[in-house]
Amino acid sequence: MSNAVRQGLFTIGYVAVGLVAVVAVGYFNHNLRFFQLPEPMTSFLILGLMGALIYASVQMRGAGYAVVVIAFWCLLRAAMNGELLSLAGPAAYALPVGFALMAAA
C-alpha cells in the first residue's frame, strides 16, 4: 500500500471517528433537538470535522498544516455567523480550541 493511500485512509478514519464522537456528545446534550437543522447539529459537526482534520494533519504532516486548518476554521465560523468583517468573535473561539486540539494531537 502506498504512503498516499495509507494517509488518505487514516484521514478518513480520523474524520469518521471525530464525527461519531461529536454526534454522540451532541445527542447526549440536546437529545432529539440535536437533529434539528441548522443549530445545534451544524456547529457540532463542524467542530468534529475540524478537530479530526487538525489531528490528522498533525499526525501525518506536522503542526504547520494544522495551523492552516485552524485558520480555515476561523474563517468558516465567521462566514457561518455572518461576521466576515469582524473576526474577533470567531477567532476567540477557533484559535484556543484549535491550538488545544493541536497540542493534544
Protein backbone atom coordinates (compact mmCIF):
# COMPACT_ATOMS: atom_id res chain seq x y z
CA MET A 1 0.00 0.00 0.00
CA SER A 2 1.46 3.36 -0.96
CA ASN A 3 2.03 6.10 1.57
CA ALA A 4 -0.58 8.39 -0.02
CA VAL A 5 -3.30 5.72 0.15
CA ARG A 6 -2.41 4.95 3.76
CA GLN A 7 -2.56 8.63 4.72
CA GLY A 8 -5.88 9.03 2.92
CA LEU A 9 -7.42 6.07 4.72
CA PHE A 10 -6.16 7.28 8.09
CA THR A 11 -7.58 10.75 7.44
CA ILE A 12 -10.97 9.30 6.52
CA GLY A 13 -10.85 7.20 9.68
CA TYR A 14 -9.98 10.21 11.85
CA VAL A 15 -12.84 12.21 10.34
CA ALA A 16 -15.31 9.34 10.85
CA VAL A 17 -14.32 8.89 14.49
CA GLY A 18 -14.48 12.66 15.09
CA LEU A 19 -17.95 12.93 13.58
CA VAL A 20 -19.27 9.94 15.51
CA ALA A 21 -17.90 11.39 18.74
CA VAL A 22 -19.50 14.82 18.30
CA VAL A 23 -22.83 13.31 17.26
CA ALA A 24 -22.80 11.23 20.45
CA VAL A 25 -21.90 14.22 22.63
CA GLY A 26 -24.42 16.47 20.87
CA TYR A 27 -27.17 13.89 21.27
CA PHE A 28 -26.41 13.49 24.98
CA ASN A 29 -26.54 17.27 25.46
CA HIS A 30 -29.58 18.10 23.32
CA ASN A 31 -31.49 14.78 22.96
CA LEU A 32 -33.72 14.72 19.85
CA ARG A 33 -33.47 18.50 19.48
CA PHE A 34 -29.90 17.90 18.30
CA PHE A 35 -31.10 16.69 14.90
CA GLN A 36 -32.98 19.91 14.10
CA LEU A 37 -31.04 21.86 11.50
CA PRO A 38 -29.30 24.29 11.37
CA GLU A 39 -28.46 24.54 15.05
CA PRO A 40 -27.04 22.86 17.14
CA MET A 41 -26.13 20.00 14.81
CA THR A 42 -24.13 22.08 12.35
CA SER A 43 -21.78 23.55 14.92
CA PHE A 44 -21.12 20.13 16.45
CA LEU A 45 -20.42 18.54 13.07
CA ILE A 46 -18.03 21.33 12.07
CA LEU A 47 -16.24 21.00 15.42
CA GLY A 48 -15.81 17.26 14.86
CA LEU A 49 -14.70 17.69 11.27
CA MET A 50 -12.14 20.38 12.07
CA GLY A 51 -10.89 18.50 15.13
CA ALA A 52 -10.37 15.38 13.07
CA LEU A 53 -8.61 17.33 10.33
CA ILE A 54 -6.34 19.03 12.88
CA TYR A 55 -5.47 15.68 14.44
CA ALA A 56 -4.89 14.07 11.04
CA SER A 57 -2.71 16.93 9.82
CA VAL A 58 -0.54 16.83 12.95
CA GLN A 59 -0.17 13.06 12.78
CA MET A 60 0.52 12.89 9.05
CA ARG A 61 2.20 16.14 8.03
CA GLY A 62 3.15 18.19 11.10
CA ALA A 63 1.92 21.19 13.02
CA GLY A 64 2.25 23.62 10.11
CA TYR A 65 -0.68 22.09 8.28
CA ALA A 66 -2.78 22.19 11.45
CA VAL A 67 -2.34 25.96 11.63
CA VAL A 68 -3.81 26.24 8.13
CA VAL A 69 -6.81 24.13 9.19
CA ILE A 70 -7.30 26.35 12.28
CA ALA A 71 -7.22 29.49 10.11
CA PHE A 72 -9.78 27.91 7.75
CA TRP A 73 -11.94 27.01 10.76
CA CYS A 74 -11.83 30.62 11.94
CA LEU A 75 -12.95 31.87 8.53
CA LEU A 76 -15.68 29.22 8.34
CA ARG A 77 -17.07 30.27 11.73
CA ALA A 78 -17.01 33.91 10.64
CA ALA A 79 -18.92 33.04 7.47
CA MET A 80 -21.49 30.98 9.40
CA ASN A 81 -22.10 33.81 11.86
CA GLY A 82 -22.25 36.44 9.14
CA GLU A 83 -19.34 38.34 10.69
CA LEU A 84 -16.97 38.41 7.75
CA LEU A 85 -15.65 41.87 8.64
CA SER A 86 -15.18 41.11 12.33
CA LEU A 87 -13.05 38.06 13.01
CA ALA A 88 -12.69 38.75 16.74
CA GLY A 89 -15.56 36.52 17.87
CA PRO A 90 -14.80 33.51 15.69
CA ALA A 91 -11.07 33.87 16.35
CA ALA A 92 -11.67 33.96 20.11
CA TYR A 93 -13.28 30.54 19.79
CA ALA A 94 -11.41 28.86 16.95
CA LEU A 95 -7.84 29.75 17.92
CA PRO A 96 -7.79 28.47 21.54
CA VAL A 97 -9.82 25.38 20.75
CA GLY A 98 -7.81 24.68 17.61
CA PHE A 99 -4.45 25.06 19.32
CA ALA A 100 -5.64 22.92 22.24
CA LEU A 101 -6.62 20.18 19.77
CA MET A 102 -3.29 20.58 18.03
CA ALA A 103 -1.43 20.27 21.35
CA ALA A 104 -3.45 17.16 22.21
CA ALA A 105 -2.55 15.58 18.89
